[in-house]
Amino acid sequence: MKFTTSSITSISTSILLLFTTLTNALDLDINSFDSIYAASRLVASGLMDYYWGTKPGGTIGMFTNPYYWWEAGGAWGTMIDYWYYMQNDTYADVIYESLLYQTGDDYNYMPLNQTTTEGNDDQVFWGIAAMQAAERNFTNPPDKKQQWLYLAQGVFNTMAWRWDDDTCNGGLRWQIFRWNAGYDYKNSVSNIGLFHMGARLARYTGNDSYVDWSEKVYDWLNDTGLVSEGKDWWFVYDGTGVETNCTQISKLQWTYNVGLMISGCAYFCLSTFWKL
């Protein structure tokens, strides 16, 4: 891979955004690949200190308490980018093992150890990790049902199947199962996650059905007011409840909602406008 100044800056920016709590401890020159490599290696090593999946009492793919299952999915996505951009195979085997161990019997990241509490937003972070593995050409498993694109599509398909037209004219609920608190809440991150996955799958596969789904989800977010388009500012709010038919918006804001939305829009542009 040939690194340009812009690509080095992009990589270093990603490191800073993902690991802001550690940046004060890093000696980083964003114009030097060697500096970026050393800093990211330190961060990756620190992250893996919290991985106890291969230790007694640990679960493959999971990090120590208090880190949740969805956060593990996000961590493995980060480690795939580290493997790809830094061309460092140190953790390749454990990434591979972890992504496969948590797929579940139906190959859609609904493992039995999580399904009683798993939400749509939890599932999508593992789907994004699988999508990253496909995009980065990470070593594919020999079993077709376990290959990264198949797994990403499995996540997308199960989430799209849960689209709820019976309330609020559409949208995904936060929780998958009605016995979990939050089932009556339609949160942005679940829906933005579906939009984001659809946009990336559209770009990767060229299948316009994913474009259609991305447009559908985006329009619902906009029409509901969870994404607020202003003249100078755009806001992404937390969610809304079905008891008010999604007419009352919780205006809490989270950076990961904004990040998923911005990156999803970028992938959407790549999958549509660049075809013209």
C-alpha atoms as a PDB file:
ATOM      1  CA  MET A   1       0.000   0.000   0.000  1.00  0.00           C
ATOM      2  CA  LYS A   2       1.300   3.446  -0.907  1.00  0.00           C
ATOM      3  CA  PHE A   3       0.817   6.063   1.798  1.00  0.00           C
ATOM      4  CA  THR A   4       0.287   9.683   0.826  1.00  0.00           C
ATOM      5  CA  THR A   5       0.224  12.706   3.088  1.00  0.00           C
ATOM      6  CA  SER A   6      -3.568  12.726   2.948  1.00  0.00           C
ATOM      7  CA  SER A   7      -3.868   9.033   3.796  1.00  0.00           C
ATOM      8  CA  ILE A   8      -1.442   9.381   6.706  1.00  0.00           C
ATOM      9  CA  THR A   9      -3.444  12.334   8.004  1.00  0.00           C
ATOM     10  CA  SER A  10      -6.653  10.325   7.656  1.00  0.00           C
ATOM     11  CA  ILE A  11      -5.206   7.407   9.591  1.00  0.00           C
ATOM     12  CA  SER A  12      -3.862   9.593  12.362  1.00  0.00           C
ATOM     13  CA  THR A  13      -7.173  11.425  12.647  1.00  0.00           C
ATOM     14  CA  SER A  14      -8.947   8.090  13.044  1.00  0.00           C
ATOM     15  CA  ILE A  15      -6.556   7.133  15.814  1.00  0.00           C
ATOM     16  CA  LEU A  16      -7.163  10.396  17.622  1.00  0.00           C
ATOM     17  CA  LEU A  17     -10.944  10.106  17.332  1.00  0.00           C
ATOM     18  CA  LEU A  18     -11.070   6.516  18.481  1.00  0.00           C
ATOM     19  CA  PHE A  19      -8.686   6.856  21.392  1.00  0.00           C
ATOM     20  CA  THR A  20      -9.074  10.398  22.668  1.00  0.00           C
ATOM     21  CA  THR A  21      -8.537   9.303  26.249  1.00  0.00           C
ATOM     22  CA  LEU A  22      -5.027   8.167  25.410  1.00  0.00           C
ATOM     23  CA  THR A  23      -3.811  10.960  23.162  1.00  0.00           C
ATOM     24  CA  ASN A  24      -2.071  12.856  25.945  1.00  0.00           C
ATOM     25  CA  ALA A  25       0.219   9.881  26.449  1.00  0.00           C
ATOM     26  CA  LEU A  26       1.175   9.555  22.775  1.00  0.00           C
ATOM     27  CA  ASP A  27       4.060  11.153  20.960  1.00  0.00           C
ATOM     28  CA  LEU A  28       2.516  11.592  17.528  1.00  0.00           C
ATOM     29  CA  ASP A  29       3.699  13.320  14.361  1.00  0.00           C
ATOM     30  CA  ILE A  30       0.825  13.108  11.873  1.00  0.00           C
ATOM     31  CA  ASN A  31       3.216  13.674   8.953  1.00  0.00           C
ATOM     32  CA  SER A  32       5.314  10.635   9.806  1.00  0.00           C
ATOM     33  CA  PHE A  33       4.147   7.104   9.111  1.00  0.00           C
ATOM     34  CA  ASP A  34       6.721   5.725  11.563  1.00  0.00           C
ATOM     35  CA  SER A  35       5.307   7.943  14.306  1.00  0.00           C
ATOM     36  CA  ILE A  36       1.735   6.940  13.476  1.00  0.00           C
ATOM     37  CA  TYR A  37       2.763   3.283  13.411  1.00  0.00           C
ATOM     38  CA  ALA A  38       4.412   3.485  16.830  1.00  0.00           C
ATOM     39  CA  ALA A  39       1.489   5.352  18.381  1.00  0.00           C
ATOM     40  CA  SER A  40      -1.161   3.040  16.946  1.00  0.00           C
ATOM     41  CA  ARG A  41       0.830  -0.043  17.999  1.00  0.00           C
ATOM     42  CA  LEU A  42       0.891   1.299  21.560  1.00  0.00           C
ATOM     43  CA  VAL A  43      -2.844   1.939  21.518  1.00  0.00           C
ATOM     44  CA  ALA A  44      -3.619  -1.471  19.986  1.00  0.00           C
ATOM     45  CA  SER A  45      -1.500  -3.181  22.633  1.00  0.00           C
ATOM     46  CA  GLY A  46      -3.287  -1.237  25.368  1.00  0.00           C
ATOM     47  CA  LEU A  47      -6.683  -2.153  23.967  1.00  0.00           C
ATOM     48  CA  MET A  48      -5.795  -5.840  23.852  1.00  0.00           C
ATOM     49  CA  ASP A  49      -4.764  -5.725  27.508  1.00  0.00           C
ATOM     50  CA  TYR A  50      -8.509  -5.647  28.211  1.00  0.00           C
ATOM     51  CA  TYR A  51      -9.168  -8.751  26.134  1.00  0.00           C
ATOM     52  CA  TRP A  52      -9.506 -11.841  28.292  1.00  0.00           C
ATOM     53  CA  GLY A  53     -11.240 -14.069  25.783  1.00  0.00           C
ATOM     54  CA  THR A  54      -8.554 -16.722  25.917  1.00  0.00           C
ATOM     55  CA  LYS A  55      -8.054 -16.603  29.698  1.00  0.00           C
ATOM     56  CA  PRO A  56      -9.835 -18.779  32.287  1.00  0.00           C
ATOM     57  CA  GLY A  57     -13.391 -17.537  32.785  1.00  0.00           C
ATOM     58  CA  GLY A  58     -13.247 -15.375  29.674  1.00  0.00           C
ATOM     59  CA  THR A  59     -15.382 -15.607  26.528  1.00  0.00           C
ATOM     60  CA  ILE A  60     -13.836 -15.522  23.062  1.00  0.00           C
ATOM     61  CA  GLY A  61     -14.577 -12.192  21.447  1.00  0.00           C
ATOM     62  CA  MET A  62     -15.426 -10.423  24.711  1.00  0.00           C
ATOM     63  CA  PHE A  63     -13.470  -7.865  26.730  1.00  0.00           C
ATOM     64  CA  THR A  64     -13.330  -7.508  30.493  1.00  0.00           C
ATOM     65  CA  ASN A  65     -16.082  -5.912  32.549  1.00  0.00           C
ATOM     66  CA  PRO A  66     -17.476  -3.283  32.372  1.00  0.00           C
ATOM     67  CA  TYR A  67     -17.260  -3.403  28.569  1.00  0.00           C
ATOM     68  CA  TYR A  68     -20.397  -4.561  26.795  1.00  0.00           C
ATOM     69  CA  TRP A  69     -20.820  -6.943  23.881  1.00  0.00           C
ATOM     70  CA  TRP A  70     -21.520  -4.149  21.389  1.00  0.00           C
ATOM     71  CA  GLU A  71     -18.337  -2.388  22.450  1.00  0.00           C
ATOM     72  CA  ALA A  72     -16.409  -5.568  21.663  1.00  0.00           C
ATOM     73  CA  GLY A  73     -17.843  -5.441  18.135  1.00  0.00           C
ATOM     74  CA  GLY A  74     -16.644  -1.860  17.785  1.00  0.00           C
ATOM     75  CA  ALA A  75     -13.221  -2.803  19.144  1.00  0.00           C
ATOM     76  CA  TRP A  76     -12.745  -5.587  16.580  1.00  0.00           C
ATOM     77  CA  GLY A  77     -13.704  -3.216  13.799  1.00  0.00           C
ATOM     78  CA  THR A  78     -10.998  -0.872  15.052  1.00  0.00           C
ATOM     79  CA  MET A  79      -8.490  -3.724  15.172  1.00  0.00           C
ATOM     80  CA  ILE A  80      -9.297  -4.643  11.566  1.00  0.00           C
ATOM     81  CA  ASP A  81      -8.453  -1.088  10.544  1.00  0.00           C
ATOM     82  CA  TYR A  82      -5.249  -1.306  12.567  1.00  0.00           C
ATOM     83  CA  TRP A  83      -4.346  -4.566  10.798  1.00  0.00           C
ATOM     84  CA  TYR A  84      -5.111  -3.023   7.406  1.00  0.00           C
ATOM     85  CA  TYR A  85      -3.575   0.418   7.662  1.00  0.00           C
ATOM     86  CA  MET A  86      -0.530  -0.545   9.694  1.00  0.00           C
ATOM     87  CA  GLN A  87      -0.022  -3.841   7.826  1.00  0.00           C
ATOM     88  CA  ASN A  88       0.510  -5.516  11.183  1.00  0.00           C
ATOM     89  CA  ASP A  89      -0.562  -9.161  11.608  1.00  0.00           C
ATOM     90  CA  THR A  90       0.109  -9.359  15.348  1.00  0.00           C
ATOM     91  CA  TYR A  91      -3.566  -9.682  16.296  1.00  0.00           C
ATOM     92  CA  ALA A  92      -4.930 -11.134  13.046  1.00  0.00           C
ATOM     93  CA  ASP A  93      -5.610 -14.594  14.499  1.00  0.00           C
ATOM     94  CA  VAL A  94      -7.483 -13.329  17.549  1.00  0.00           C
ATOM     95  CA  ILE A  95      -9.551 -10.927  15.402  1.00  0.00           C
ATOM     96  CA  TYR A  96     -10.462 -13.811  13.101  1.00  0.00           C
ATOM     97  CA  GLU A  97     -11.354 -16.123  15.984  1.00  0.00           C
ATOM     98  CA  SER A  98     -13.416 -13.489  17.797  1.00  0.00           C
ATOM     99  CA  LEU A  99     -15.472 -12.443  14.785  1.00  0.00           C
ATOM    100  CA  LEU A 100     -16.366 -16.070  14.060  1.00  0.00           C
ATOM    101  CA  TYR A 101     -17.069 -17.145  17.635  1.00  0.00           C
ATOM    102  CA  GLN A 102     -19.812 -14.551  18.128  1.00  0.00           C
ATOM    103  CA  THR A 103     -21.725 -15.101  14.853  1.00  0.00           C
ATOM    104  CA  GLY A 104     -24.486 -17.255  16.352  1.00  0.00           C
ATOM    105  CA  ASP A 105     -26.169 -20.310  14.873  1.00  0.00           C
ATOM    106  CA  ASP A 106     -27.863 -18.299  12.113  1.00  0.00           C
ATOM    107  CA  TYR A 107     -24.714 -16.390  11.074  1.00  0.00           C
ATOM    108  CA  ASN A 108     -26.146 -12.967  11.887  1.00  0.00           C
ATOM    109  CA  TYR A 109     -24.440 -12.021  15.171  1.00  0.00           C
ATOM    110  CA  MET A 110     -27.227 -13.165  17.422  1.00  0.00           C
ATOM    111  CA  PRO A 111     -25.310 -15.628  19.620  1.00  0.00           C
ATOM    112  CA  LEU A 112     -27.132 -17.495  22.360  1.00  0.00           C
ATOM    113  CA  ASN A 113     -25.070 -15.772  25.053  1.00  0.00           C
ATOM    114  CA  GLN A 114     -26.542 -12.405  24.017  1.00  0.00           C
ATOM    115  CA  THR A 115     -29.969 -12.895  22.484  1.00  0.00           C
ATOM    116  CA  THR A 116     -32.004 -12.294  25.650  1.00  0.00           C
ATOM    117  CA  THR A 117     -30.617  -8.762  25.996  1.00  0.00           C
ATOM    118  CA  GLU A 118     -29.347  -7.907  22.511  1.00  0.00           C
ATOM    119  CA  GLY A 119     -30.690  -4.774  20.841  1.00  0.00           C
ATOM    120  CA  ASN A 120     -30.640  -3.674  17.218  1.00  0.00           C
ATOM    121  CA  ASP A 121     -27.879  -1.205  17.974  1.00  0.00           C
ATOM    122  CA  ASP A 122     -25.788  -3.945  19.619  1.00  0.00           C
ATOM    123  CA  GLN A 123     -26.089  -6.219  16.612  1.00  0.00           C
ATOM    124  CA  VAL A 124     -25.178  -3.566  14.083  1.00  0.00           C
ATOM    125  CA  PHE A 125     -21.749  -2.882  15.573  1.00  0.00           C
ATOM    126  CA  TRP A 126     -20.756  -6.488  14.894  1.00  0.00           C
ATOM    127  CA  GLY A 127     -22.248  -6.196  11.420  1.00  0.00           C
ATOM    128  CA  ILE A 128     -20.104  -3.141  10.766  1.00  0.00           C
ATOM    129  CA  ALA A 129     -17.015  -5.073  11.917  1.00  0.00           C
ATOM    130  CA  ALA A 130     -17.868  -7.870   9.461  1.00  0.00           C
ATOM    131  CA  MET A 131     -18.397  -5.264   6.732  1.00  0.00           C
ATOM    132  CA  GLN A 132     -14.995  -3.772   7.487  1.00  0.00           C
ATOM    133  CA  ALA A 133     -13.433  -7.222   7.239  1.00  0.00           C
ATOM    134  CA  ALA A 134     -14.988  -7.687   3.799  1.00  0.00           C
ATOM    135  CA  GLU A 135     -13.936  -4.232   2.601  1.00  0.00           C
ATOM    136  CA  ARG A 136     -10.369  -4.648   3.885  1.00  0.00           C
ATOM    137  CA  ASN A 137     -10.067  -8.121   2.333  1.00  0.00           C
ATOM    138  CA  PHE A 138      -9.396  -9.659   5.739  1.00  0.00           C
ATOM    139  CA  THR A 139      -8.796 -13.420   5.502  1.00  0.00           C
ATOM    140  CA  ASN A 140     -12.132 -15.072   4.728  1.00  0.00           C
ATOM    141  CA  PRO A 141     -13.259 -18.271   6.489  1.00  0.00           C
ATOM    142  CA  PRO A 142     -13.551 -21.316   4.214  1.00  0.00           C
ATOM    143  CA  ASP A 143     -17.232 -21.819   5.086  1.00  0.00           C
ATOM    144  CA  LYS A 144     -19.311 -19.555   2.827  1.00  0.00           C
ATOM    145  CA  LYS A 145     -21.857 -18.937   5.598  1.00  0.00           C
ATOM    146  CA  GLN A 146     -19.109 -17.518   7.781  1.00  0.00           C
ATOM    147  CA  GLN A 147     -17.510 -15.259   5.194  1.00  0.00           C
ATOM    148  CA  TRP A 148     -17.532 -11.590   6.056  1.00  0.00           C
ATOM    149  CA  LEU A 149     -19.910 -10.342   3.377  1.00  0.00           C
ATOM    150  CA  TYR A 150     -22.386 -13.115   4.196  1.00  0.00           C
ATOM    151  CA  LEU A 151     -22.263 -12.189   7.878  1.00  0.00           C
ATOM    152  CA  ALA A 152     -22.727  -8.479   7.155  1.00  0.00           C
ATOM    153  CA  GLN A 153     -25.699  -9.279   4.936  1.00  0.00           C
ATOM    154  CA  GLY A 154     -27.104 -11.528   7.655  1.00  0.00           C
ATOM    155  CA  VAL A 155     -27.072  -8.627  10.094  1.00  0.00           C
ATOM    156  CA  PHE A 156     -28.626  -6.254   7.584  1.00  0.00           C
ATOM    157  CA  ASN A 157     -31.354  -8.710   6.547  1.00  0.00           C
ATOM    158  CA  THR A 158     -32.446  -9.514  10.097  1.00  0.00           C
ATOM    159  CA  MET A 159     -32.516  -5.836  11.011  1.00  0.00           C
ATOM    160  CA  ALA A 160     -34.464  -4.891   7.869  1.00  0.00           C
ATOM    161  CA  TRP A 161     -36.957  -7.678   8.626  1.00  0.00           C
ATOM    162  CA  ARG A 162     -37.701  -5.969  11.957  1.00  0.00           C
ATOM    163  CA  TRP A 163     -38.695  -2.690  10.292  1.00  0.00           C
ATOM    164  CA  ASP A 164     -41.901  -1.712  12.079  1.00  0.00           C
ATOM    165  CA  ASP A 165     -44.558  -0.066   9.915  1.00  0.00           C
ATOM    166  CA  ASP A 166     -47.256  -0.619  12.548  1.00  0.00           C
ATOM    167  CA  THR A 167     -46.076   2.346  14.623  1.00  0.00           C
ATOM    168  CA  CYS A 168     -44.622   5.739  13.673  1.00  0.00           C
ATOM    169  CA  ASN A 169     -44.857   4.971   9.932  1.00  0.00           C
ATOM    170  CA  GLY A 170     -41.778   2.793  10.157  1.00  0.00           C
ATOM    171  CA  GLY A 171     -38.463   2.635  11.945  1.00  0.00           C
ATOM    172  CA  LEU A 172     -36.597   0.115  14.041  1.00  0.00           C
ATOM    173  CA  ARG A 173     -37.242  -0.300  17.721  1.00  0.00           C
ATOM    174  CA  TRP A 174     -34.271  -0.075  20.063  1.00  0.00           C
ATOM    175  CA  GLN A 175     -34.772  -3.542  21.490  1.00  0.00           C
ATOM    176  CA  ILE A 176     -35.386  -6.707  19.503  1.00  0.00           C
ATOM    177  CA  PHE A 177     -37.516  -8.479  22.104  1.00  0.00           C
ATOM    178  CA  ARG A 178     -40.623  -6.993  23.719  1.00  0.00           C
ATOM    179  CA  TRP A 179     -39.650  -8.126  27.227  1.00  0.00           C
ATOM    180  CA  ASN A 180     -36.639  -5.771  27.309  1.00  0.00           C
ATOM    181  CA  ALA A 181     -36.899  -2.204  28.551  1.00  0.00           C
ATOM    182  CA  GLY A 182     -36.625   0.054  25.534  1.00  0.00           C
ATOM    183  CA  TYR A 183     -38.790  -2.027  23.206  1.00  0.00           C
ATOM    184  CA  ASP A 184     -41.192   0.910  22.865  1.00  0.00           C
ATOM    185  CA  TYR A 185     -38.380   3.292  21.968  1.00  0.00           C
ATOM    186  CA  LYS A 186     -37.162   3.895  18.430  1.00  0.00           C
ATOM    187  CA  ASN A 187     -33.619   5.150  18.818  1.00  0.00           C
ATOM    188  CA  SER A 188     -31.492   6.828  16.216  1.00  0.00           C
ATOM    189  CA  VAL A 189     -28.448   4.568  16.455  1.00  0.00           C
ATOM    190  CA  SER A 190     -30.400   1.435  15.501  1.00  0.00           C
ATOM    191  CA  ASN A 191     -31.905   3.144  12.464  1.00  0.00           C
ATOM    192  CA  ILE A 192     -28.742   4.986  11.496  1.00  0.00           C
ATOM    193  CA  GLY A 193     -26.913   1.680  11.822  1.00  0.00           C
ATOM    194  CA  LEU A 194     -29.296   0.120   9.295  1.00  0.00           C
ATOM    195  CA  PHE A 195     -28.826   3.126   6.991  1.00  0.00           C
ATOM    196  CA  HIS A 196     -25.053   2.897   7.400  1.00  0.00           C
ATOM    197  CA  MET A 197     -24.950  -0.845   6.677  1.00  0.00           C
ATOM    198  CA  GLY A 198     -27.202  -0.430   3.646  1.00  0.00           C
ATOM    199  CA  ALA A 199     -24.985   2.283   2.203  1.00  0.00           C
ATOM    200  CA  ARG A 200     -21.829   0.210   2.651  1.00  0.00           C
ATOM    201  CA  LEU A 201     -23.415  -2.908   1.200  1.00  0.00           C
ATOM    202  CA  ALA A 202     -24.660  -0.860  -1.764  1.00  0.00           C
ATOM    203  CA  ARG A 203     -21.146   0.402  -2.401  1.00  0.00           C
ATOM    204  CA  TYR A 204     -19.562  -3.021  -1.971  1.00  0.00           C
ATOM    205  CA  THR A 205     -22.051  -5.114  -3.949  1.00  0.00           C
ATOM    206  CA  GLY A 206     -23.516  -2.643  -6.446  1.00  0.00           C
ATOM    207  CA  ASN A 207     -26.985  -3.948  -5.506  1.00  0.00           C
ATOM    208  CA  ASP A 208     -29.510  -1.114  -5.767  1.00  0.00           C
ATOM    209  CA  SER A 209     -31.883  -2.735  -3.268  1.00  0.00           C
ATOM    210  CA  TYR A 210     -29.499  -1.552  -0.567  1.00  0.00           C
ATOM    211  CA  VAL A 211     -29.685   1.961  -1.996  1.00  0.00           C
ATOM    212  CA  ASP A 212     -33.475   1.810  -1.772  1.00  0.00           C
ATOM    213  CA  TRP A 213     -33.300   0.706   1.854  1.00  0.00           C
ATOM    214  CA  SER A 214     -30.814   3.431   2.739  1.00  0.00           C
ATOM    215  CA  GLU A 215     -33.062   6.060   1.219  1.00  0.00           C
ATOM    216  CA  LYS A 216     -36.053   4.627   3.083  1.00  0.00           C
ATOM    217  CA  VAL A 217     -34.316   4.751   6.442  1.00  0.00           C
ATOM    218  CA  TYR A 218     -32.871   8.220   5.853  1.00  0.00           C
ATOM    219  CA  ASP A 219     -36.276   9.607   4.851  1.00  0.00           C
ATOM    220  CA  TRP A 220     -37.843   8.127   7.980  1.00  0.00           C
ATOM    221  CA  LEU A 221     -35.153   9.651  10.213  1.00  0.00           C
ATOM    222  CA  ASN A 222     -35.705  13.004   8.548  1.00  0.00           C
ATOM    223  CA  ASP A 223     -39.502  12.884   8.535  1.00  0.00           C
ATOM    224  CA  THR A 224     -39.608  11.853  12.186  1.00  0.00           C
ATOM    225  CA  GLY A 225     -37.240  14.656  13.181  1.00  0.00           C
ATOM    226  CA  LEU A 226     -34.486  12.448  14.584  1.00  0.00           C
ATOM    227  CA  VAL A 227     -32.235  14.007  11.962  1.00  0.00           C
ATOM    228  CA  SER A 228     -32.833  17.738  11.872  1.00  0.00           C
ATOM    229  CA  GLU A 229     -31.690  19.583   8.768  1.00  0.00           C
ATOM    230  CA  GLY A 230     -31.066  23.254   9.401  1.00  0.00           C
ATOM    231  CA  LYS A 231     -29.608  26.050   7.315  1.00  0.00           C
ATOM    232  CA  ASP A 232     -26.241  26.023   9.052  1.00  0.00           C
ATOM    233  CA  TRP A 233     -26.471  23.111  11.500  1.00  0.00           C
ATOM    234  CA  TRP A 234     -27.601  19.513  11.389  1.00  0.00           C
ATOM    235  CA  PHE A 235     -28.546  17.671  14.551  1.00  0.00           C
ATOM    236  CA  VAL A 236     -28.955  13.973  15.248  1.00  0.00           C
ATOM    237  CA  TYR A 237     -31.118  13.295  18.293  1.00  0.00           C
ATOM    238  CA  ASP A 238     -31.310  10.207  20.485  1.00  0.00           C
ATOM    239  CA  GLY A 239     -34.741   8.724  19.802  1.00  0.00           C
ATOM    240  CA  THR A 240     -38.498   8.805  20.231  1.00  0.00           C
ATOM    241  CA  GLY A 241     -41.266   6.681  21.779  1.00  0.00           C
ATOM    242  CA  VAL A 242     -44.072   4.758  20.106  1.00  0.00           C
ATOM    243  CA  GLU A 243     -46.514   5.780  22.863  1.00  0.00           C
ATOM    244  CA  THR A 244     -46.644   9.271  21.299  1.00  0.00           C
ATOM    245  CA  ASN A 245     -46.466   7.883  17.757  1.00  0.00           C
ATOM    246  CA  CYS A 246     -42.921   9.268  17.644  1.00  0.00           C
ATOM    247  CA  THR A 247     -44.075  12.869  17.891  1.00  0.00           C
ATOM    248  CA  GLN A 248     -41.924  13.696  20.929  1.00  0.00           C
ATOM    249  CA  ILE A 249     -38.168  13.609  20.356  1.00  0.00           C
ATOM    250  CA  SER A 250     -35.533  13.051  23.020  1.00  0.00           C
ATOM    251  CA  LYS A 251     -32.990  15.668  22.041  1.00  0.00           C
ATOM    252  CA  LEU A 252     -29.999  14.090  23.718  1.00  0.00           C
ATOM    253  CA  GLN A 253     -27.077  13.945  21.287  1.00  0.00           C
ATOM    254  CA  TRP A 254     -24.281  11.379  21.039  1.00  0.00           C
ATOM    255  CA  THR A 255     -21.149  11.527  18.934  1.00  0.00           C
ATOM    256  CA  TYR A 256     -21.503   7.975  17.613  1.00  0.00           C
ATOM    257  CA  ASN A 257     -24.900   8.834  16.123  1.00  0.00           C
ATOM    258  CA  VAL A 258     -23.335  11.724  14.249  1.00  0.00           C
ATOM    259  CA  GLY A 259     -20.308   9.667  13.206  1.00  0.00           C
ATOM    260  CA  LEU A 260     -22.403   6.807  11.851  1.00  0.00           C
ATOM    261  CA  MET A 261     -24.620   9.283  10.007  1.00  0.00           C
ATOM    262  CA  ILE A 262     -21.769  11.204   8.394  1.00  0.00           C
ATOM    263  CA  SER A 263     -19.903   8.076   7.335  1.00  0.00           C
ATOM    264  CA  GLY A 264     -23.131   6.453   6.124  1.00  0.00           C
ATOM    265  CA  CYS A 265     -23.844   9.476   3.938  1.00  0.00           C
ATOM    266  CA  ALA A 266     -20.312   9.285   2.541  1.00  0.00           C
ATOM    267  CA  TYR A 267     -20.728   5.607   1.638  1.00  0.00           C
ATOM    268  CA  PHE A 268     -24.130   6.380   0.159  1.00  0.00           C
ATOM    269  CA  CYS A 269     -22.619   9.040  -2.090  1.00  0.00           C
ATOM    270  CA  LEU A 270     -19.909   6.619  -3.201  1.00  0.00           C
ATOM    271  CA  SER A 271     -22.522   3.985  -4.036  1.00  0.00           C
ATOM    272  CA  THR A 272     -24.858   6.274  -5.988  1.00  0.00           C
ATOM    273  CA  PHE A 273     -23.567   9.624  -7.252  1.00  0.00           C
ATOM    274  CA  TRP A 274     -20.238   8.277  -8.459  1.00  0.00           C
ATOM    275  CA  LYS A 275     -22.098   5.847 -10.716  1.00  0.00           C
ATOM    276  CA  LEU A 276     -23.636   8.692 -12.706  1.00  0.00           C
END
